[in-house]
Amino acid sequence: MANTSVGKNLDQALRWFRALSDETRLRLVERLRDGEQCVCDLTDALDTGQSRMSFHLKTLKDAGIVTDRREGRWVYYAINPEVIEAMSRLLVDLRPTRTGLRVVSRRCD
């Protein structure tokens, strides 16, 4: 696996997949596809409390999946397009290298 982007960036891949392994965080990413949004709008849209939303947004931010910026007392979140592109390349690298071959299961004793 050392030649794939997964092998080279295993720790980062693990952070991405852990961050996206929660339904609320996936919904947040989906909401942010339309562009930057204020945390208050995200809280309302997903019908969740401020502290819970902050936890999920911090998880996504720590993984690099979203960015934030402060404007006055409001915080706005957006998808980090560079990370989404890197995730896409990683998934492409995970495709089987040989297609159309039937794997014969073998019992190991």
PDB file of N, CA and C in Angstrom:
ATOM      1  N   MET A   1       0.808  -1.188   0.000  1.00  0.00           N
ATOM      2  CA  MET A   1       0.000   0.000   0.000  1.00  0.00           C
ATOM      3  C   MET A   1       0.854   1.255   0.000  1.00  0.00           C
ATOM      4  N   ALA A   2       2.123   1.157   0.134  1.00  0.00           N
ATOM      5  CA  ALA A   2       3.002   2.298   0.240  1.00  0.00           C
ATOM      6  C   ALA A   2       2.976   3.198  -0.984  1.00  0.00           C
ATOM      7  N   ASN A   3       2.569   2.701  -2.139  1.00  0.00           N
ATOM      8  CA  ASN A   3       2.564   3.512  -3.349  1.00  0.00           C
ATOM      9  C   ASN A   3       1.279   4.296  -3.543  1.00  0.00           C
ATOM     10  N   THR A   4       0.282   4.086  -2.718  1.00  0.00           N
ATOM     11  CA  THR A   4      -0.984   4.800  -2.872  1.00  0.00           C
ATOM     12  C   THR A   4      -1.001   6.027  -1.983  1.00  0.00           C
ATOM     13  N   SER A   5      -1.927   6.943  -2.274  1.00  0.00           N
ATOM     14  CA  SER A   5      -2.052   8.123  -1.423  1.00  0.00           C
ATOM     15  C   SER A   5      -2.557   7.725  -0.034  1.00  0.00           C
ATOM     16  N   VAL A   6      -3.249   6.591   0.073  1.00  0.00           N
ATOM     17  CA  VAL A   6      -3.686   6.130   1.389  1.00  0.00           C
ATOM     18  C   VAL A   6      -2.473   5.768   2.229  1.00  0.00           C
ATOM     19  N   GLY A   7      -1.562   5.021   1.652  1.00  0.00           N
ATOM     20  CA  GLY A   7      -0.364   4.625   2.382  1.00  0.00           C
ATOM     21  C   GLY A   7       0.480   5.811   2.793  1.00  0.00           C
ATOM     22  N   LYS A   8       0.569   6.802   1.926  1.00  0.00           N
ATOM     23  CA  LYS A   8       1.383   7.987   2.201  1.00  0.00           C
ATOM     24  C   LYS A   8       0.738   8.882   3.250  1.00  0.00           C
ATOM     25  N   ASN A   9      -0.570   8.933   3.272  1.00  0.00           N
ATOM     26  CA  ASN A   9      -1.295   9.874   4.127  1.00  0.00           C
ATOM     27  C   ASN A   9      -2.318   9.165   5.002  1.00  0.00           C
ATOM     28  N   LEU A  10      -1.931   8.051   5.574  1.00  0.00           N
ATOM     29  CA  LEU A  10      -2.861   7.246   6.356  1.00  0.00           C
ATOM     30  C   LEU A  10      -3.499   8.030   7.497  1.00  0.00           C
ATOM     31  N   ASP A  11      -2.700   8.782   8.237  1.00  0.00           N
ATOM     32  CA  ASP A  11      -3.264   9.540   9.360  1.00  0.00           C
ATOM     33  C   ASP A  11      -4.311  10.542   8.898  1.00  0.00           C
ATOM     34  N   GLN A  12      -4.036  11.239   7.805  1.00  0.00           N
ATOM     35  CA  GLN A  12      -5.000  12.212   7.297  1.00  0.00           C
ATOM     36  C   GLN A  12      -6.267  11.520   6.800  1.00  0.00           C
ATOM     37  N   ALA A  13      -6.108  10.412   6.095  1.00  0.00           N
ATOM     38  CA  ALA A  13      -7.274   9.660   5.613  1.00  0.00           C
ATOM     39  C   ALA A  13      -8.134   9.206   6.781  1.00  0.00           C
ATOM     40  N   LEU A  14      -7.509   8.749   7.841  1.00  0.00           N
ATOM     41  CA  LEU A  14      -8.267   8.327   9.022  1.00  0.00           C
ATOM     42  C   LEU A  14      -9.041   9.494   9.615  1.00  0.00           C
ATOM     43  N   ARG A  15      -8.447  10.686   9.695  1.00  0.00           N
ATOM     44  CA  ARG A  15      -9.159  11.862  10.224  1.00  0.00           C
ATOM     45  C   ARG A  15     -10.363  12.206   9.348  1.00  0.00           C
ATOM     46  N   TRP A  16     -10.169  12.153   8.028  1.00  0.00           N
ATOM     47  CA  TRP A  16     -11.288  12.462   7.135  1.00  0.00           C
ATOM     48  C   TRP A  16     -12.434  11.491   7.320  1.00  0.00           C
ATOM     49  N   PHE A  17     -12.125  10.200   7.293  1.00  0.00           N
ATOM     50  CA  PHE A  17     -13.197   9.204   7.378  1.00  0.00           C
ATOM     51  C   PHE A  17     -13.855   9.195   8.753  1.00  0.00           C
ATOM     52  N   ARG A  18     -13.105   9.423   9.806  1.00  0.00           N
ATOM     53  CA  ARG A  18     -13.720   9.526  11.137  1.00  0.00           C
ATOM     54  C   ARG A  18     -14.655  10.724  11.204  1.00  0.00           C
ATOM     55  N   ALA A  19     -14.202  11.844  10.651  1.00  0.00           N
ATOM     56  CA  ALA A  19     -15.026  13.054  10.682  1.00  0.00           C
ATOM     57  C   ALA A  19     -16.322  12.866   9.902  1.00  0.00           C
ATOM     58  N   LEU A  20     -16.277  12.096   8.835  1.00  0.00           N
ATOM     59  CA  LEU A  20     -17.467  11.898   8.006  1.00  0.00           C
ATOM     60  C   LEU A  20     -18.302  10.683   8.416  1.00  0.00           C
ATOM     61  N   SER A  21     -17.921  10.027   9.493  1.00  0.00           N
ATOM     62  CA  SER A  21     -18.623   8.808   9.900  1.00  0.00           C
ATOM     63  C   SER A  21     -19.861   9.066  10.750  1.00  0.00           C
ATOM     64  N   ASP A  22     -20.270  10.312  10.837  1.00  0.00           N
ATOM     65  CA  ASP A  22     -21.429  10.681  11.639  1.00  0.00           C
ATOM     66  C   ASP A  22     -22.490  11.310  10.736  1.00  0.00           C
ATOM     67  N   GLU A  23     -23.733  10.924  10.925  1.00  0.00           N
ATOM     68  CA  GLU A  23     -24.818  11.413  10.073  1.00  0.00           C
ATOM     69  C   GLU A  23     -24.953  12.930  10.126  1.00  0.00           C
ATOM     70  N   THR A  24     -24.855  13.503  11.312  1.00  0.00           N
ATOM     71  CA  THR A  24     -24.990  14.956  11.434  1.00  0.00           C
ATOM     72  C   THR A  24     -23.883  15.672  10.665  1.00  0.00           C
ATOM     73  N   ARG A  25     -22.663  15.163  10.758  1.00  0.00           N
ATOM     74  CA  ARG A  25     -21.557  15.808  10.046  1.00  0.00           C
ATOM     75  C   ARG A  25     -21.716  15.666   8.532  1.00  0.00           C
ATOM     76  N   LEU A  26     -22.214  14.527   8.084  1.00  0.00           N
ATOM     77  CA  LEU A  26     -22.488  14.380   6.648  1.00  0.00           C
ATOM     78  C   LEU A  26     -23.567  15.366   6.206  1.00  0.00           C
ATOM     79  N   ARG A  27     -24.575  15.564   7.027  1.00  0.00           N
ATOM     80  CA  ARG A  27     -25.628  16.531   6.700  1.00  0.00           C
ATOM     81  C   ARG A  27     -25.068  17.955   6.666  1.00  0.00           C
ATOM     82  N   LEU A  28     -24.149  18.239   7.568  1.00  0.00           N
ATOM     83  CA  LEU A  28     -23.511  19.558   7.559  1.00  0.00           C
ATOM     84  C   LEU A  28     -22.750  19.791   6.258  1.00  0.00           C
ATOM     85  N   VAL A  29     -21.970  18.810   5.852  1.00  0.00           N
ATOM     86  CA  VAL A  29     -21.217  18.936   4.602  1.00  0.00           C
ATOM     87  C   VAL A  29     -22.174  19.112   3.430  1.00  0.00           C
ATOM     88  N   GLU A  30     -23.255  18.361   3.448  1.00  0.00           N
ATOM     89  CA  GLU A  30     -24.257  18.486   2.379  1.00  0.00           C
ATOM     90  C   GLU A  30     -24.836  19.898   2.348  1.00  0.00           C
ATOM     91  N   ARG A  31     -25.143  20.458   3.509  1.00  0.00           N
ATOM     92  CA  ARG A  31     -25.700  21.821   3.581  1.00  0.00           C
ATOM     93  C   ARG A  31     -24.694  22.850   3.071  1.00  0.00           C
ATOM     94  N   LEU A  32     -23.423  22.609   3.329  1.00  0.00           N
ATOM     95  CA  LEU A  32     -22.393  23.571   2.945  1.00  0.00           C
ATOM     96  C   LEU A  32     -22.031  23.499   1.460  1.00  0.00           C
ATOM     97  N   ARG A  33     -22.551  22.502   0.763  1.00  0.00           N
ATOM     98  CA  ARG A  33     -22.296  22.407  -0.682  1.00  0.00           C
ATOM     99  C   ARG A  33     -22.807  23.641  -1.417  1.00  0.00           C
ATOM    100  N   ASP A  34     -23.837  24.271  -0.887  1.00  0.00           N
ATOM    101  CA  ASP A  34     -24.423  25.446  -1.530  1.00  0.00           C
ATOM    102  C   ASP A  34     -23.659  26.726  -1.215  1.00  0.00           C
ATOM    103  N   GLY A  35     -22.635  26.631  -0.377  1.00  0.00           N
ATOM    104  CA  GLY A  35     -21.835  27.809  -0.038  1.00  0.00           C
ATOM    105  C   GLY A  35     -21.761  28.042   1.454  1.00  0.00           C
ATOM    106  N   GLU A  36     -21.016  29.044   1.784  1.00  0.00           N
ATOM    107  CA  GLU A  36     -20.757  29.411   3.177  1.00  0.00           C
ATOM    108  C   GLU A  36     -22.064  29.688   3.930  1.00  0.00           C
ATOM    109  N   GLN A  37     -22.104  29.221   5.192  1.00  0.00           N
ATOM    110  CA  GLN A  37     -23.287  29.460   6.018  1.00  0.00           C
ATOM    111  C   GLN A  37     -22.886  29.787   7.442  1.00  0.00           C
ATOM    112  N   CYS A  38     -23.706  30.592   8.059  1.00  0.00           N
ATOM    113  CA  CYS A  38     -23.518  30.973   9.454  1.00  0.00           C
ATOM    114  C   CYS A  38     -23.887  29.797  10.355  1.00  0.00           C
ATOM    115  N   VAL A  39     -23.177  29.682  11.458  1.00  0.00           N
ATOM    116  CA  VAL A  39     -23.447  28.579  12.386  1.00  0.00           C
ATOM    117  C   VAL A  39     -24.895  28.620  12.877  1.00  0.00           C
ATOM    118  N   CYS A  40     -25.448  29.811  13.042  1.00  0.00           N
ATOM    119  CA  CYS A  40     -26.843  29.902  13.509  1.00  0.00           C
ATOM    120  C   CYS A  40     -27.808  29.315  12.484  1.00  0.00           C
ATOM    121  N   ASP A  41     -27.528  29.525  11.194  1.00  0.00           N
ATOM    122  CA  ASP A  41     -28.376  28.946  10.147  1.00  0.00           C
ATOM    123  C   ASP A  41     -28.254  27.426  10.110  1.00  0.00           C
ATOM    124  N   LEU A  42     -27.044  26.929  10.314  1.00  0.00           N
ATOM    125  CA  LEU A  42     -26.836  25.478  10.331  1.00  0.00           C
ATOM    126  C   LEU A  42     -27.546  24.845  11.516  1.00  0.00           C
ATOM    127  N   THR A  43     -27.487  25.503  12.656  1.00  0.00           N
ATOM    128  CA  THR A  43     -28.159  24.997  13.855  1.00  0.00           C
ATOM    129  C   THR A  43     -29.659  24.900  13.611  1.00  0.00           C
ATOM    130  N   ASP A  44     -30.235  25.932  13.021  1.00  0.00           N
ATOM    131  CA  ASP A  44     -31.674  25.930  12.720  1.00  0.00           C
ATOM    132  C   ASP A  44     -32.018  24.860  11.688  1.00  0.00           C
ATOM    133  N   ALA A  45     -31.226  24.779  10.632  1.00  0.00           N
ATOM    134  CA  ALA A  45     -31.520  23.849   9.536  1.00  0.00           C
ATOM    135  C   ALA A  45     -31.473  22.400   9.985  1.00  0.00           C
ATOM    136  N   LEU A  46     -30.561  22.084  10.891  1.00  0.00           N
ATOM    137  CA  LEU A  46     -30.422  20.698  11.340  1.00  0.00           C
ATOM    138  C   LEU A  46     -31.120  20.445  12.673  1.00  0.00           C
ATOM    139  N   ASP A  47     -31.809  21.483  13.176  1.00  0.00           N
ATOM    140  CA  ASP A  47     -32.599  21.361  14.405  1.00  0.00           C
ATOM    141  C   ASP A  47     -31.802  20.717  15.535  1.00  0.00           C
ATOM    142  N   THR A  48     -30.672  21.328  15.836  1.00  0.00           N
ATOM    143  CA  THR A  48     -29.833  20.821  16.916  1.00  0.00           C
ATOM    144  C   THR A  48     -29.339  21.989  17.756  1.00  0.00           C
ATOM    145  N   GLY A  49     -28.878  21.689  18.947  1.00  0.00           N
ATOM    146  CA  GLY A  49     -28.408  22.719  19.859  1.00  0.00           C
ATOM    147  C   GLY A  49     -27.055  23.289  19.452  1.00  0.00           C
ATOM    148  N   GLN A  50     -26.784  24.498  19.941  1.00  0.00           N
ATOM    149  CA  GLN A  50     -25.557  25.194  19.616  1.00  0.00           C
ATOM    150  C   GLN A  50     -24.313  24.406  20.050  1.00  0.00           C
ATOM    151  N   SER A  51     -24.308  23.841  21.245  1.00  0.00           N
ATOM    152  CA  SER A  51     -23.113  23.124  21.720  1.00  0.00           C
ATOM    153  C   SER A  51     -22.868  21.861  20.905  1.00  0.00           C
ATOM    154  N   ARG A  52     -23.929  21.168  20.557  1.00  0.00           N
ATOM    155  CA  ARG A  52     -23.791  19.956  19.730  1.00  0.00           C
ATOM    156  C   ARG A  52     -23.280  20.312  18.333  1.00  0.00           C
ATOM    157  N   MET A  53     -23.828  21.388  17.766  1.00  0.00           N
ATOM    158  CA  MET A  53     -23.399  21.833  16.445  1.00  0.00           C
ATOM    159  C   MET A  53     -21.927  22.247  16.483  1.00  0.00           C
ATOM    160  N   SER A  54     -21.527  22.938  17.518  1.00  0.00           N
ATOM    161  CA  SER A  54     -20.127  23.363  17.646  1.00  0.00           C
ATOM    162  C   SER A  54     -19.191  22.163  17.694  1.00  0.00           C
ATOM    163  N   PHE A  55     -19.597  21.114  18.387  1.00  0.00           N
ATOM    164  CA  PHE A  55     -18.791  19.897  18.451  1.00  0.00           C
ATOM    165  C   PHE A  55     -18.595  19.304  17.059  1.00  0.00           C
ATOM    166  N   HIS A  56     -19.676  19.177  16.301  1.00  0.00           N
ATOM    167  CA  HIS A  56     -19.600  18.587  14.964  1.00  0.00           C
ATOM    168  C   HIS A  56     -18.787  19.463  14.006  1.00  0.00           C
ATOM    169  N   LEU A  57     -18.983  20.764  14.075  1.00  0.00           N
ATOM    170  CA  LEU A  57     -18.229  21.663  13.209  1.00  0.00           C
ATOM    171  C   LEU A  57     -16.745  21.655  13.555  1.00  0.00           C
ATOM    172  N   LYS A  58     -16.423  21.566  14.834  1.00  0.00           N
ATOM    173  CA  LYS A  58     -15.016  21.490  15.243  1.00  0.00           C
ATOM    174  C   LYS A  58     -14.376  20.212  14.713  1.00  0.00           C
ATOM    175  N   THR A  59     -15.098  19.113  14.766  1.00  0.00           N
ATOM    176  CA  THR A  59     -14.587  17.843  14.248  1.00  0.00           C
ATOM    177  C   THR A  59     -14.279  17.963  12.756  1.00  0.00           C
ATOM    178  N   LEU A  60     -15.193  18.552  11.993  1.00  0.00           N
ATOM    179  CA  LEU A  60     -14.979  18.739  10.559  1.00  0.00           C
ATOM    180  C   LEU A  60     -13.839  19.720  10.289  1.00  0.00           C
ATOM    181  N   LYS A  61     -13.753  20.759  11.094  1.00  0.00           N
ATOM    182  CA  LYS A  61     -12.683  21.745  10.929  1.00  0.00           C
ATOM    183  C   LYS A  61     -11.324  21.128  11.260  1.00  0.00           C
ATOM    184  N   ASP A  62     -11.250  20.377  12.346  1.00  0.00           N
ATOM    185  CA  ASP A  62      -9.990  19.728  12.737  1.00  0.00           C
ATOM    186  C   ASP A  62      -9.498  18.756  11.665  1.00  0.00           C
ATOM    187  N   ALA A  63     -10.437  18.147  10.934  1.00  0.00           N
ATOM    188  CA  ALA A  63     -10.069  17.233   9.850  1.00  0.00           C
ATOM    189  C   ALA A  63      -9.736  17.991   8.567  1.00  0.00           C
ATOM    190  N   GLY A  64      -9.975  19.298   8.561  1.00  0.00           N
ATOM    191  CA  GLY A  64      -9.677  20.113   7.394  1.00  0.00           C
ATOM    192  C   GLY A  64     -10.779  20.140   6.352  1.00  0.00           C
ATOM    193  N   ILE A  65     -11.892  19.500   6.645  1.00  0.00           N
ATOM    194  CA  ILE A  65     -12.982  19.383   5.669  1.00  0.00           C
ATOM    195  C   ILE A  65     -13.733  20.698   5.513  1.00  0.00           C
ATOM    196  N   VAL A  66     -13.838  21.471   6.587  1.00  0.00           N
ATOM    197  CA  VAL A  66     -14.471  22.786   6.511  1.00  0.00           C
ATOM    198  C   VAL A  66     -13.516  23.848   7.042  1.00  0.00           C
ATOM    199  N   THR A  67     -13.770  25.068   6.620  1.00  0.00           N
ATOM    200  CA  THR A  67     -13.036  26.224   7.121  1.00  0.00           C
ATOM    201  C   THR A  67     -14.041  27.139   7.809  1.00  0.00           C
ATOM    202  N   ASP A  68     -13.542  28.046   8.604  1.00  0.00           N
ATOM    203  CA  ASP A  68     -14.427  29.010   9.240  1.00  0.00           C
ATOM    204  C   ASP A  68     -13.806  30.397   9.175  1.00  0.00           C
ATOM    205  N   ARG A  69     -14.673  31.373   9.319  1.00  0.00           N
ATOM    206  CA  ARG A  69     -14.217  32.763   9.422  1.00  0.00           C
ATOM    207  C   ARG A  69     -15.201  33.500  10.319  1.00  0.00           C
ATOM    208  N   ARG A  70     -14.656  34.404  11.082  1.00  0.00           N
ATOM    209  CA  ARG A  70     -15.473  35.185  12.009  1.00  0.00           C
ATOM    210  C   ARG A  70     -15.773  36.542  11.371  1.00  0.00           C
ATOM    211  N   GLU A  71     -17.032  36.943  11.496  1.00  0.00           N
ATOM    212  CA  GLU A  71     -17.451  38.270  11.062  1.00  0.00           C
ATOM    213  C   GLU A  71     -18.295  38.847  12.186  1.00  0.00           C
ATOM    214  N   GLY A  72     -17.677  39.741  12.960  1.00  0.00           N
ATOM    215  CA  GLY A  72     -18.363  40.265  14.141  1.00  0.00           C
ATOM    216  C   GLY A  72     -18.571  39.145  15.148  1.00  0.00           C
ATOM    217  N   ARG A  73     -19.794  38.951  15.554  1.00  0.00           N
ATOM    218  CA  ARG A  73     -20.076  37.884  16.528  1.00  0.00           C
ATOM    219  C   ARG A  73     -20.484  36.579  15.876  1.00  0.00           C
ATOM    220  N   TRP A  74     -20.538  36.549  14.541  1.00  0.00           N
ATOM    221  CA  TRP A  74     -20.966  35.345  13.826  1.00  0.00           C
ATOM    222  C   TRP A  74     -19.775  34.594  13.248  1.00  0.00           C
ATOM    223  N   VAL A  75     -19.924  33.281  13.174  1.00  0.00           N
ATOM    224  CA  VAL A  75     -18.914  32.432  12.548  1.00  0.00           C
ATOM    225  C   VAL A  75     -19.550  31.763  11.334  1.00  0.00           C
ATOM    226  N   TYR A  76     -18.855  31.854  10.221  1.00  0.00           N
ATOM    227  CA  TYR A  76     -19.335  31.282   8.963  1.00  0.00           C
ATOM    228  C   TYR A  76     -18.453  30.100   8.581  1.00  0.00           C
ATOM    229  N   TYR A  77     -19.095  29.037   8.102  1.00  0.00           N
ATOM    230  CA  TYR A  77     -18.387  27.810   7.727  1.00  0.00           C
ATOM    231  C   TYR A  77     -18.560  27.551   6.233  1.00  0.00           C
ATOM    232  N   ALA A  78     -17.521  26.949   5.648  1.00  0.00           N
ATOM    233  CA  ALA A  78     -17.548  26.596   4.228  1.00  0.00           C
ATOM    234  C   ALA A  78     -16.752  25.314   4.026  1.00  0.00           C
ATOM    235  N   ILE A  79     -17.077  24.609   2.963  1.00  0.00           N
ATOM    236  CA  ILE A  79     -16.319  23.416   2.586  1.00  0.00           C
ATOM    237  C   ILE A  79     -14.948  23.847   2.100  1.00  0.00           C
ATOM    238  N   ASN A  80     -13.938  23.081   2.455  1.00  0.00           N
ATOM    239  CA  ASN A  80     -12.586  23.310   1.974  1.00  0.00           C
ATOM    240  C   ASN A  80     -12.425  22.528   0.664  1.00  0.00           C
ATOM    241  N   PRO A  81     -12.494  23.200  -0.493  1.00  0.00           N
ATOM    242  CA  PRO A  81     -12.476  22.473  -1.769  1.00  0.00           C
ATOM    243  C   PRO A  81     -11.188  21.692  -2.012  1.00  0.00           C
ATOM    244  N   GLU A  82     -10.067  22.171  -1.487  1.00  0.00           N
ATOM    245  CA  GLU A  82      -8.806  21.450  -1.677  1.00  0.00           C
ATOM    246  C   GLU A  82      -8.840  20.090  -0.992  1.00  0.00           C
ATOM    247  N   VAL A  83      -9.440  20.035   0.186  1.00  0.00           N
ATOM    248  CA  VAL A  83      -9.523  18.762   0.907  1.00  0.00           C
ATOM    249  C   VAL A  83     -10.505  17.819   0.211  1.00  0.00           C
ATOM    250  N   ILE A  84     -11.597  18.342  -0.276  1.00  0.00           N
ATOM    251  CA  ILE A  84     -12.550  17.498  -0.998  1.00  0.00           C
ATOM    252  C   ILE A  84     -11.878  16.900  -2.227  1.00  0.00           C
ATOM    253  N   GLU A  85     -11.079  17.692  -2.930  1.00  0.00           N
ATOM    254  CA  GLU A  85     -10.343  17.191  -4.095  1.00  0.00           C
ATOM    255  C   GLU A  85      -9.326  16.123  -3.678  1.00  0.00           C
ATOM    256  N   ALA A  86      -8.628  16.338  -2.584  1.00  0.00           N
ATOM    257  CA  ALA A  86      -7.661  15.346  -2.095  1.00  0.00           C
ATOM    258  C   ALA A  86      -8.365  14.049  -1.693  1.00  0.00           C
ATOM    259  N   MET A  87      -9.540  14.161  -1.086  1.00  0.00           N
ATOM    260  CA  MET A  87     -10.316  12.975  -0.727  1.00  0.00           C
ATOM    261  C   MET A  87     -10.749  12.221  -1.983  1.00  0.00           C
ATOM    262  N   SER A  88     -11.129  12.960  -2.993  1.00  0.00           N
ATOM    263  CA  SER A  88     -11.534  12.345  -4.255  1.00  0.00           C
ATOM    264  C   SER A  88     -10.372  11.573  -4.875  1.00  0.00           C
ATOM    265  N   ARG A  89      -9.191  12.168  -4.871  1.00  0.00           N
ATOM    266  CA  ARG A  89      -8.012  11.472  -5.410  1.00  0.00           C
ATOM    267  C   ARG A  89      -7.702  10.221  -4.603  1.00  0.00           C
ATOM    268  N   LEU A  90      -7.858  10.311  -3.291  1.00  0.00           N
ATOM    269  CA  LEU A  90      -7.604   9.158  -2.434  1.00  0.00           C
ATOM    270  C   LEU A  90      -8.555   8.016  -2.783  1.00  0.00           C
ATOM    271  N   LEU A  91      -9.832   8.337  -2.984  1.00  0.00           N
ATOM    272  CA  LEU A  91     -10.810   7.298  -3.326  1.00  0.00           C
ATOM    273  C   LEU A  91     -10.517   6.690  -4.689  1.00  0.00           C
ATOM    274  N   VAL A  92     -10.076   7.501  -5.634  1.00  0.00           N
ATOM    275  CA  VAL A  92      -9.695   6.965  -6.939  1.00  0.00           C
ATOM    276  C   VAL A  92      -8.532   5.990  -6.782  1.00  0.00           C
ATOM    277  N   ASP A  93      -7.587   6.330  -5.919  1.00  0.00           N
ATOM    278  CA  ASP A  93      -6.439   5.446  -5.682  1.00  0.00           C
ATOM    279  C   ASP A  93      -6.836   4.113  -5.050  1.00  0.00           C
ATOM    280  N   LEU A  94      -8.007   4.056  -4.441  1.00  0.00           N
ATOM    281  CA  LEU A  94      -8.465   2.821  -3.802  1.00  0.00           C
ATOM    282  C   LEU A  94      -9.147   1.857  -4.767  1.00  0.00           C
ATOM    283  N   ARG A  95      -9.380   2.307  -5.990  1.00  0.00           N
ATOM    284  CA  ARG A  95     -10.002   1.404  -6.967  1.00  0.00           C
ATOM    285  C   ARG A  95      -9.125   0.181  -7.176  1.00  0.00           C
ATOM    286  N   PRO A  96      -9.756  -0.950  -7.475  1.00  0.00           N
ATOM    287  CA  PRO A  96      -8.956  -2.150  -7.767  1.00  0.00           C
ATOM    288  C   PRO A  96      -8.021  -1.882  -8.946  1.00  0.00           C
ATOM    289  N   THR A  97      -6.827  -2.431  -8.868  1.00  0.00           N
ATOM    290  CA  THR A  97      -5.865  -2.203  -9.941  1.00  0.00           C
ATOM    291  C   THR A  97      -6.141  -3.089 -11.132  1.00  0.00           C
ATOM    292  N   ARG A  98      -6.763  -4.218 -10.901  1.00  0.00           N
ATOM    293  CA  ARG A  98      -7.125  -5.127 -11.999  1.00  0.00           C
ATOM    294  C   ARG A  98      -8.614  -5.374 -11.919  1.00  0.00           C
ATOM    295  N   THR A  99      -9.290  -5.197 -13.031  1.00  0.00           N
ATOM    296  CA  THR A  99     -10.736  -5.390 -13.048  1.00  0.00           C
ATOM    297  C   THR A  99     -11.086  -6.645 -13.824  1.00  0.00           C
ATOM    298  N   GLY A 100     -12.234  -7.156 -13.554  1.00  0.00           N
ATOM    299  CA  GLY A 100     -12.738  -8.307 -14.285  1.00  0.00           C
ATOM    300  C   GLY A 100     -12.182  -9.634 -13.827  1.00  0.00           C
ATOM    301  N   LEU A 101     -11.371  -9.639 -12.813  1.00  0.00           N
ATOM    302  CA  LEU A 101     -10.808 -10.897 -12.323  1.00  0.00           C
ATOM    303  C   LEU A 101     -11.658 -11.405 -11.169  1.00  0.00           C
ATOM    304  N   ARG A 102     -11.950 -12.641 -11.202  1.00  0.00           N
ATOM    305  CA  ARG A 102     -12.724 -13.250 -10.120  1.00  0.00           C
ATOM    306  C   ARG A 102     -11.757 -13.700  -9.038  1.00  0.00           C
ATOM    307  N   VAL A 103     -12.070 -13.288  -7.834  1.00  0.00           N
ATOM    308  CA  VAL A 103     -11.230 -13.672  -6.703  1.00  0.00           C
ATOM    309  C   VAL A 103     -11.732 -15.016  -6.181  1.00  0.00           C
ATOM    310  N   VAL A 104     -10.872 -15.953  -6.110  1.00  0.00           N
ATOM    311  CA  VAL A 104     -11.215 -17.267  -5.588  1.00  0.00           C
ATOM    312  C   VAL A 104     -10.872 -17.257  -4.111  1.00  0.00           C
ATOM    313  N   SER A 105     -11.898 -17.495  -3.301  1.00  0.00           N
ATOM    314  CA  SER A 105     -11.634 -17.496  -1.873  1.00  0.00           C
ATOM    315  C   SER A 105     -10.868 -18.770  -1.504  1.00  0.00           C
ATOM    316  N   ARG A 106      -9.971 -18.592  -0.619  1.00  0.00           N
ATOM    317  CA  ARG A 106      -9.122 -19.671  -0.188  1.00  0.00           C
ATOM    318  C   ARG A 106      -9.195 -19.729   1.322  1.00  0.00           C
ATOM    319  N   ARG A 107      -9.304 -20.866   1.813  1.00  0.00           N
ATOM    320  CA  ARG A 107      -9.404 -21.035   3.258  1.00  0.00           C
ATOM    321  C   ARG A 107      -8.001 -21.162   3.842  1.00  0.00           C
ATOM    322  N   CYS A 108      -7.726 -20.272   4.746  1.00  0.00           N
ATOM    323  CA  CYS A 108      -6.414 -20.310   5.412  1.00  0.00           C
ATOM    324  C   CYS A 108      -6.554 -21.045   6.737  1.00  0.00           C
ATOM    325  N   ASP A 109      -5.685 -21.981   6.955  1.00  0.00           N
ATOM    326  CA  ASP A 109      -5.721 -22.733   8.211  1.00  0.00           C
ATOM    327  C   ASP A 109      -4.599 -22.311   9.115  1.00  0.00           C
TER     328      ASP A 109
END
